[in-house]
N, C-alpha and C. Protein backbone atom coordinates (compact mmCIF):
# COMPACT_ATOMS: atom_id res chain seq x y z
N UNK A 1 1.30 1.91 -14.44
CA UNK A 1 2.62 2.36 -15.27
C UNK A 1 3.40 3.24 -14.81
N UNK A 2 4.17 3.01 -14.98
CA UNK A 2 5.74 3.82 -14.01
C UNK A 2 6.41 4.76 -15.35
N UNK A 3 6.10 5.83 -15.53
CA UNK A 3 6.66 6.33 -16.00
C UNK A 3 8.13 7.14 -16.00
N UNK A 4 8.42 7.69 -17.57
CA UNK A 4 9.77 8.40 -16.91
C UNK A 4 9.05 10.12 -16.37
N UNK A 5 8.69 10.69 -16.71
CA UNK A 5 7.47 11.53 -16.82
C UNK A 5 7.43 11.62 -14.56
N UNK A 6 7.24 10.60 -13.39
CA UNK A 6 7.15 10.69 -12.52
C UNK A 6 8.09 10.66 -11.97
N UNK A 7 9.15 10.02 -12.56
CA UNK A 7 10.97 10.80 -11.90
C UNK A 7 10.76 9.11 -10.93
N UNK A 8 12.20 10.21 -9.91
CA UNK A 8 12.70 8.57 -9.00
C UNK A 8 11.73 8.31 -8.14
N UNK A 9 11.65 7.53 -7.85
CA UNK A 9 10.77 6.10 -7.23
C UNK A 9 11.79 5.91 -5.78
N UNK A 10 10.22 6.15 -4.73
CA UNK A 10 11.01 4.80 -3.54
C UNK A 10 9.80 4.28 -3.13
N UNK A 11 10.56 3.39 -2.37
CA UNK A 11 9.12 2.49 -1.58
C UNK A 11 8.50 3.53 -0.11
N UNK A 12 7.41 3.41 0.03
CA UNK A 12 7.66 4.41 1.29
C UNK A 12 6.63 3.37 2.75
N UNK A 13 6.19 1.89 2.01
CA UNK A 13 5.10 1.40 2.88
C UNK A 13 5.88 -0.88 2.55
N UNK A 14 5.98 -1.41 3.61
CA UNK A 14 6.09 -2.33 3.29
C UNK A 14 6.02 -3.30 4.01
N UNK A 15 5.00 -4.38 4.20
CA UNK A 15 3.92 -5.43 5.23
C UNK A 15 4.48 -6.70 4.20
N UNK A 16 5.26 -7.89 6.01
CA UNK A 16 5.67 -9.25 6.16
C UNK A 16 4.90 -10.83 6.31
N UNK A 17 4.87 -11.01 4.93
CA UNK A 17 4.40 -11.97 5.17
C UNK A 17 4.69 -14.53 4.82
N UNK A 18 4.33 -14.36 6.64
CA UNK A 18 5.40 -15.37 6.27
C UNK A 18 4.46 -17.14 5.10
N UNK A 19 3.20 -16.34 4.62
CA UNK A 19 2.33 -17.28 3.82
C UNK A 19 2.00 -16.21 2.72
N UNK A 20 2.40 -16.52 0.98
CA UNK A 20 2.23 -15.77 0.72
C UNK A 20 0.38 -16.17 0.72
N UNK A 21 -0.56 -16.58 0.68
CA UNK A 21 -1.70 -16.67 0.80
C UNK A 21 -2.84 -15.84 1.55
N UNK A 22 -1.40 -15.50 2.91
CA UNK A 22 -1.65 -14.05 3.63
C UNK A 22 -1.70 -12.68 2.87
N UNK A 23 -0.52 -12.90 2.63
CA UNK A 23 -0.19 -12.29 1.67
C UNK A 23 -0.89 -11.41 -0.04
N UNK A 24 -1.03 -12.36 -0.41
CA UNK A 24 -2.36 -11.72 -0.95
C UNK A 24 -3.51 -11.78 -1.16
N UNK A 25 -4.01 -12.41 0.16
CA UNK A 25 -5.27 -11.60 0.34
C UNK A 25 -5.26 -10.04 0.84
N UNK A 26 -3.62 -9.83 1.11
CA UNK A 26 -4.02 -8.23 2.00
C UNK A 26 -3.80 -7.83 0.88
N UNK A 27 -2.75 -7.70 -0.38
CA UNK A 27 -3.09 -7.25 -1.07
C UNK A 27 -3.97 -6.67 -2.26
N UNK A 28 -5.27 -7.86 -1.89
CA UNK A 28 -6.44 -7.42 -2.69
C UNK A 28 -7.22 -6.85 -1.88
N UNK A 29 -7.04 -7.14 -0.37
CA UNK A 29 -8.17 -5.20 0.83
C UNK A 29 -7.45 -4.47 -0.06
N UNK A 30 -6.21 -4.37 -0.39
CA UNK A 30 -5.64 -2.85 -0.24
C UNK A 30 -6.26 -2.35 -1.93
N UNK A 31 -5.92 -3.51 -2.49
CA UNK A 31 -6.48 -3.47 -4.18
C UNK A 31 -8.24 -1.95 -4.16
N UNK A 32 -8.52 -2.85 -2.84
CA UNK A 32 -9.90 -2.00 -2.95
C UNK A 32 -10.42 -0.74 -2.07
N UNK A 33 -9.47 -0.62 -1.63
CA UNK A 33 -9.34 1.15 -0.93
C UNK A 33 -9.40 1.49 -1.73
N UNK A 34 -9.76 3.31 -0.72
CA UNK A 34 -9.99 4.79 -1.68
C UNK A 34 -8.18 5.08 -1.52
N UNK A 35 -7.81 6.01 -2.39
CA UNK A 35 -6.71 6.77 -2.58
C UNK A 35 -6.47 7.42 -0.66
N UNK A 36 -7.76 7.87 0.03
CA UNK A 36 -7.36 8.24 1.05
C UNK A 36 -6.59 7.72 1.87
N UNK A 37 -7.64 6.66 2.64
CA UNK A 37 -7.39 5.59 3.18
C UNK A 37 -5.51 4.94 3.05
N UNK A 38 -5.45 4.24 1.21
CA UNK A 38 -4.07 3.95 1.67
C UNK A 38 -3.11 5.32 2.41
N UNK A 39 -3.74 5.65 2.19
CA UNK A 39 -2.54 7.39 2.32
C UNK A 39 -2.57 7.16 3.48
N UNK A 40 -3.48 7.06 4.55
CA UNK A 40 -3.44 7.08 6.03
C UNK A 40 -2.56 6.00 7.01
N UNK A 41 -3.13 5.33 5.71
CA UNK A 41 -2.01 3.86 5.63
C UNK A 41 -0.35 3.89 5.97
N UNK A 42 0.19 4.47 4.77
CA UNK A 42 1.01 5.30 4.74
C UNK A 42 2.00 5.98 5.22
N UNK A 43 1.13 7.16 6.05
CA UNK A 43 1.51 7.86 7.10
C UNK A 43 1.26 7.20 8.25
N UNK A 44 1.03 6.38 8.91
CA UNK A 44 0.87 6.04 10.23
C UNK A 44 0.03 6.50 10.98
N UNK A 45 -1.49 7.01 9.67
CA UNK A 45 -2.75 8.05 10.61
C UNK A 45 -4.18 6.08 10.70
N UNK A 46 -4.02 5.53 11.15
CA UNK A 46 -4.58 4.32 11.47
C UNK A 46 -5.98 4.74 12.54
N UNK A 47 -5.96 6.23 13.29
CA UNK A 47 -7.46 6.08 14.14
C UNK A 47 -8.38 7.11 12.59
N UNK A 48 -7.26 7.22 10.89
CA UNK A 48 -8.48 8.12 10.84
C UNK A 48 -9.17 7.09 9.18
N UNK A 49 -9.22 5.15 10.02
CA UNK A 49 -9.15 3.85 8.92
C UNK A 49 -10.44 4.15 9.85
């Protein structure tokens, strides 16, 4: 949940898919990852994965 306490928000990472099923599968995959692993993707540290 986003609250006023968190302040301004920015989109820091996006992926595009032509097929909604691929996008949904990727979302489910990312939701299962740890916060550290997600942060590595956002920062582009792919070798940490």
